Amino acid sequence: MSELPAPEVNPNLLTASRMRLAEALEHAEQLHGWRRFVLDPMALLQRMRVAPAVAAAIFIIGFGGGLGTMYSLHLGSSSVVGHPEIHNMDKASFGPVRSIEVQPNSDQISINYDRVLTEKVQGSANDPKIQELLAYAARNNDNSGVRLDSVGVLAKKGEDPAARETLTYSLRYDSNPGVRLKALEALEPYVKDDIRVRNAVLEALLNDSNPGVRSGAIHLLAPVKADTSVRAALQQLAKEDPNEFIRSESKRLLQATPELD
């Protein structure tokens, strides 16, 4: 690795990384006492290097607890709406094939495979279970249309911190510019008072690959143009951004910002 040339750090990436580091440090909490061992198992293992039997016992207990959790989740998976459902296995979809066994001297074959059942849940948008599923869909679904629908529902719940966190995640990481635009619009009321939202919008302005998202981001940041991080980003963009609109808009906002003493 030492023989490889060192990559040049992009100024936009450096600025965004510093903002995210500052945000993370602002909300970080040092772990003390038993919480350190629960949330940082390596610290516990380092103290137990001379006690392999105890370490093995902890592993067995943890493995057993995991099996118990899986069993509980399995029992509750069919009662999402509140009552157990009896599924028609003929309507299940084929899942992964686990193994194929050919019987010797016979044309008989045994195939072990999973079957996938579709669940449906209905409820209020204020229902924690509904919100949990919406957040999961926004973060993990391969269908961009489903992610867009999920963000659209969560956009109406922006006052809820969990919904706002999911919207921020979608703005930062979703691969579809339409989903990012939808999340950006939903976050507009919170740019002024929520530093995490402001940093996410600033990241979009600096690094997003879509000109529409960047244009929307600079519009959202106009009311907070006097913020130190926003001002520094605007100064950088006004000088060297390849997008003519972003350059001119950055200059306009800087001219409308009072000089700081």
Protein backbone atom coordinates (compact mmCIF):
# COMPACT_ATOMS: atom_id res chain seq x y z
CA MET A 1 0.00 0.00 0.00
CA SER A 2 2.87 2.38 0.73
CA GLU A 3 3.96 2.09 -2.92
CA LEU A 4 0.59 3.29 -4.23
CA PRO A 5 0.26 6.99 -5.06
CA ALA A 6 -1.65 8.99 -2.44
CA PRO A 7 -5.01 10.17 -3.86
CA GLU A 8 -5.72 13.87 -3.95
CA VAL A 9 -8.45 14.87 -1.50
CA ASN A 10 -11.35 16.64 -3.20
CA PRO A 11 -12.17 19.94 -1.41
CA ASN A 12 -15.87 19.15 -1.47
CA LEU A 13 -15.28 15.77 0.13
CA LEU A 14 -13.00 17.32 2.75
CA THR A 15 -15.56 19.97 3.69
CA ALA A 16 -18.41 17.46 3.89
CA SER A 17 -16.28 15.03 5.94
CA ARG A 18 -15.37 17.74 8.43
CA MET A 19 -19.02 18.70 8.86
CA ARG A 20 -20.09 15.10 9.45
CA LEU A 21 -17.20 14.56 11.90
CA ALA A 22 -18.13 17.69 13.84
CA GLU A 23 -21.76 16.57 13.92
CA ALA A 24 -20.80 13.08 15.12
CA LEU A 25 -18.51 14.45 17.85
CA GLU A 26 -21.24 16.83 18.97
CA HIS A 27 -23.60 13.94 19.68
CA ALA A 28 -21.03 11.34 20.74
CA GLU A 29 -21.14 9.99 24.27
CA GLN A 30 -18.26 8.30 26.04
CA LEU A 31 -19.07 4.80 27.28
CA HIS A 32 -18.42 4.04 30.92
CA GLY A 33 -18.79 1.06 33.22
CA TRP A 34 -20.94 -1.85 32.12
CA ARG A 35 -22.22 0.02 29.04
CA ARG A 36 -18.71 -0.05 27.64
CA PHE A 37 -18.65 -3.83 27.70
CA VAL A 38 -22.19 -4.21 26.35
CA LEU A 39 -21.65 -1.83 23.43
CA ASP A 40 -17.95 -2.52 22.94
CA PRO A 41 -17.45 -6.30 23.25
CA MET A 42 -13.80 -6.06 22.13
CA ALA A 43 -12.97 -4.19 25.34
CA LEU A 44 -14.41 -7.08 27.33
CA LEU A 45 -12.56 -9.70 25.30
CA GLN A 46 -9.27 -7.86 25.77
CA ARG A 47 -9.71 -8.17 29.53
CA MET A 48 -10.53 -11.83 29.21
CA ARG A 49 -7.58 -13.00 27.14
CA VAL A 50 -6.48 -15.20 30.05
CA ALA A 51 -9.97 -16.63 30.60
CA PRO A 52 -10.95 -18.55 27.43
CA ALA A 53 -13.52 -20.65 29.32
CA VAL A 54 -15.44 -17.56 30.39
CA ALA A 55 -15.23 -16.17 26.85
CA ALA A 56 -16.64 -19.42 25.49
CA ALA A 57 -19.50 -19.27 28.00
CA ILE A 58 -20.35 -15.75 26.93
CA PHE A 59 -20.39 -16.86 23.30
CA ILE A 60 -22.75 -19.75 24.09
CA ILE A 61 -25.10 -17.48 26.08
CA GLY A 62 -25.14 -14.93 23.28
CA PHE A 63 -25.79 -17.60 20.67
CA GLY A 64 -28.66 -19.01 22.71
CA GLY A 65 -30.13 -15.54 23.17
CA GLY A 66 -29.96 -14.98 19.43
CA LEU A 67 -31.84 -18.21 18.77
CA GLY A 68 -34.49 -17.19 21.29
CA THR A 69 -34.90 -13.82 19.61
CA MET A 70 -35.24 -15.45 16.19
CA TYR A 71 -37.88 -17.83 17.56
CA SER A 72 -39.84 -14.92 19.09
CA LEU A 73 -39.69 -12.97 15.85
CA HIS A 74 -40.89 -16.01 13.94
CA LEU A 75 -43.88 -16.38 16.24
CA GLY A 76 -44.77 -12.71 15.89
CA SER A 77 -44.22 -12.42 12.14
CA SER A 78 -47.68 -13.74 11.30
CA SER A 79 -49.50 -11.33 13.64
CA VAL A 80 -48.46 -7.97 12.23
CA VAL A 81 -52.08 -6.81 11.99
CA GLY A 82 -52.88 -8.13 15.43
CA HIS A 83 -54.20 -11.64 14.71
CA PRO A 84 -52.41 -14.74 13.39
CA GLU A 85 -53.04 -15.55 9.76
CA ILE A 86 -53.26 -19.01 8.19
CA HIS A 87 -51.38 -18.78 4.92
CA ASN A 88 -52.16 -20.70 1.79
CA MET A 89 -48.81 -22.23 0.93
CA ASP A 90 -49.85 -22.62 -2.71
CA LYS A 91 -49.74 -18.83 -2.98
CA ALA A 92 -46.22 -18.58 -1.63
CA SER A 93 -43.37 -17.66 -3.96
CA PHE A 94 -40.27 -19.75 -4.43
CA GLY A 95 -37.30 -18.62 -2.39
CA PRO A 96 -33.67 -19.77 -2.41
CA VAL A 97 -32.95 -23.44 -3.08
CA ARG A 98 -30.93 -24.73 -0.12
CA SER A 99 -29.86 -28.18 -1.34
CA ILE A 100 -30.44 -30.81 -4.02
CA GLU A 101 -30.04 -34.48 -3.17
CA VAL A 102 -30.03 -37.17 -5.87
CA GLN A 103 -30.98 -40.66 -4.70
CA PRO A 104 -28.48 -43.29 -5.84
CA ASN A 105 -29.70 -45.66 -8.54
CA SER A 106 -32.99 -43.79 -8.79
CA ASP A 107 -34.61 -40.90 -10.62
CA GLN A 108 -35.82 -39.46 -7.32
CA ILE A 109 -34.51 -36.05 -6.32
CA SER A 110 -34.99 -34.19 -3.03
CA ILE A 111 -34.90 -30.39 -3.21
CA ASN A 112 -34.90 -28.23 -0.10
CA TYR A 113 -36.07 -24.68 -0.74
CA ASP A 114 -37.65 -21.72 1.04
CA ARG A 115 -41.05 -20.24 0.30
CA VAL A 116 -41.69 -16.52 0.56
CA LEU A 117 -45.02 -15.22 1.83
CA THR A 118 -46.26 -11.68 1.25
CA GLU A 119 -47.55 -9.95 4.38
CA LYS A 120 -49.87 -6.95 4.46
CA VAL A 121 -50.35 -4.48 7.28
CA GLN A 122 -52.81 -1.61 7.50
CA GLY A 123 -52.90 1.19 10.02
CA SER A 124 -52.48 4.86 10.76
CA ALA A 125 -49.41 6.75 9.63
CA ASN A 126 -48.88 7.48 13.34
CA ASP A 127 -48.62 3.78 14.17
CA PRO A 128 -45.00 2.99 15.23
CA LYS A 129 -45.11 -0.30 13.28
CA ILE A 130 -46.22 1.51 10.12
CA GLN A 131 -43.48 4.09 10.58
CA GLU A 132 -40.92 1.34 11.12
CA LEU A 133 -41.91 -0.36 7.86
CA LEU A 134 -41.86 2.98 6.01
CA ALA A 135 -38.35 3.67 7.26
CA TYR A 136 -37.23 0.19 6.23
CA ALA A 137 -38.73 0.63 2.76
CA ALA A 138 -37.04 4.01 2.32
CA ARG A 139 -33.63 2.62 3.24
CA ASN A 140 -33.58 -0.93 1.85
CA ASN A 141 -36.08 -1.46 -0.96
CA ASP A 142 -34.68 -2.10 -4.45
CA ASN A 143 -37.75 -0.52 -6.05
CA SER A 144 -37.24 3.24 -6.38
CA GLY A 145 -41.00 3.74 -6.73
CA VAL A 146 -41.57 2.12 -3.33
CA ARG A 147 -38.83 4.28 -1.80
CA LEU A 148 -40.41 7.38 -3.33
CA ASP A 149 -43.82 6.47 -1.91
CA SER A 150 -42.29 5.84 1.51
CA VAL A 151 -40.47 9.18 1.52
CA GLY A 152 -43.68 10.86 0.42
CA VAL A 153 -45.52 9.54 3.49
CA LEU A 154 -42.63 10.32 5.84
CA ALA A 155 -42.48 13.85 4.44
CA LYS A 156 -45.73 14.58 6.27
CA LYS A 157 -44.15 13.42 9.53
CA GLY A 158 -41.02 15.57 9.44
CA GLU A 159 -41.62 16.84 12.96
CA ASP A 160 -40.93 13.31 14.19
CA PRO A 161 -37.15 12.85 14.75
CA ALA A 162 -37.16 9.27 13.44
CA ALA A 163 -38.94 10.27 10.23
CA ARG A 164 -36.60 13.22 9.78
CA GLU A 165 -33.60 10.93 10.22
CA THR A 166 -34.90 8.64 7.47
CA LEU A 167 -35.48 11.63 5.17
CA THR A 168 -31.93 12.80 5.84
CA TYR A 169 -30.62 9.32 5.03
CA SER A 170 -32.55 9.29 1.74
CA LEU A 171 -31.16 12.69 0.79
CA ARG A 172 -27.62 11.55 1.45
CA TYR A 173 -27.59 8.02 0.09
CA ASP A 174 -30.53 7.19 -2.18
CA SER A 175 -29.42 6.36 -5.72
CA ASN A 176 -32.52 7.86 -7.35
CA PRO A 177 -32.47 11.67 -7.81
CA GLY A 178 -36.27 11.80 -7.65
CA VAL A 179 -36.22 10.27 -4.17
CA ARG A 180 -33.46 12.66 -3.08
CA LEU A 181 -35.46 15.63 -4.38
CA LYS A 182 -38.54 14.47 -2.51
CA ALA A 183 -36.53 14.12 0.71
CA LEU A 184 -34.96 17.54 0.14
CA GLU A 185 -38.35 19.21 -0.19
CA ALA A 186 -39.57 17.52 2.98
CA LEU A 187 -36.57 18.79 4.96
CA GLU A 188 -36.98 22.45 4.02
CA PRO A 189 -38.82 23.51 7.23
CA TYR A 190 -36.01 22.13 9.41
CA VAL A 191 -32.87 23.54 7.79
CA LYS A 192 -32.76 26.56 10.08
CA ASP A 193 -33.13 24.83 13.44
CA ASP A 194 -31.74 21.31 12.90
CA ILE A 195 -27.97 21.27 12.37
CA ARG A 196 -28.05 17.66 11.09
CA VAL A 197 -30.56 18.56 8.41
CA ARG A 198 -28.52 21.63 7.47
CA ASN A 199 -25.35 19.56 7.12
CA ALA A 200 -27.15 17.00 4.95
CA VAL A 201 -28.46 19.75 2.66
CA LEU A 202 -24.99 21.29 2.53
CA GLU A 203 -23.55 17.91 1.57
CA ALA A 204 -26.10 17.65 -1.23
CA LEU A 205 -25.09 21.08 -2.49
CA LEU A 206 -21.41 20.18 -2.50
CA ASN A 207 -21.47 16.60 -3.71
CA ASP A 208 -24.76 15.53 -5.29
CA SER A 209 -24.42 14.41 -8.90
CA ASN A 210 -27.80 15.80 -9.94
CA PRO A 211 -28.00 19.52 -10.85
CA GLY A 212 -31.64 19.68 -9.78
CA VAL A 213 -30.84 18.42 -6.30
CA ARG A 214 -27.96 20.91 -5.99
CA SER A 215 -30.16 23.79 -7.16
CA GLY A 216 -32.82 22.83 -4.62
CA ALA A 217 -30.20 22.57 -1.89
CA ILE A 218 -28.80 26.06 -2.48
CA HIS A 219 -32.36 27.41 -2.39
CA LEU A 220 -32.96 25.77 0.99
CA LEU A 221 -29.72 27.18 2.38
CA ALA A 222 -30.48 30.78 1.42
CA PRO A 223 -32.15 31.60 4.79
CA VAL A 224 -29.04 30.35 6.66
CA LYS A 225 -26.42 31.81 4.33
CA ALA A 226 -24.74 33.59 7.27
CA ASP A 227 -23.91 30.24 8.91
CA THR A 228 -20.14 29.73 8.98
CA SER A 229 -20.18 26.37 7.19
CA VAL A 230 -22.68 27.53 4.60
CA ARG A 231 -20.71 30.72 3.98
CA ALA A 232 -17.45 28.79 3.50
CA ALA A 233 -19.13 26.42 1.05
CA LEU A 234 -20.63 29.30 -0.92
CA GLN A 235 -17.23 31.00 -1.17
CA GLN A 236 -15.71 27.82 -2.53
CA LEU A 237 -18.54 27.22 -5.00
CA ALA A 238 -18.51 30.82 -6.21
CA LYS A 239 -14.88 30.42 -7.26
CA GLU A 240 -14.61 26.97 -8.79
CA ASP A 241 -17.90 25.14 -9.23
CA PRO A 242 -18.31 23.85 -12.81
CA ASN A 243 -22.05 24.60 -12.77
CA GLU A 244 -22.66 28.17 -13.92
CA PHE A 245 -25.95 28.49 -12.02
CA ILE A 246 -24.39 27.29 -8.76
CA ARG A 247 -21.48 29.73 -9.20
CA SER A 248 -23.71 32.73 -9.91
CA GLU A 249 -26.20 31.86 -7.17
CA SER A 250 -23.38 31.41 -4.65
CA LYS A 251 -22.02 34.84 -5.55
CA ARG A 252 -25.46 36.39 -5.22
CA LEU A 253 -26.02 34.90 -1.77
CA LEU A 254 -22.58 36.01 -0.62
CA GLN A 255 -23.23 39.56 -1.77
CA ALA A 256 -26.48 39.57 0.18
CA THR A 257 -24.76 38.31 3.34
CA PRO A 258 -23.42 40.94 5.76
CA GLU A 259 -19.69 40.80 6.40
CA LEU A 260 -18.67 39.17 9.67
CA ASP A 261 -16.36 41.04 12.04
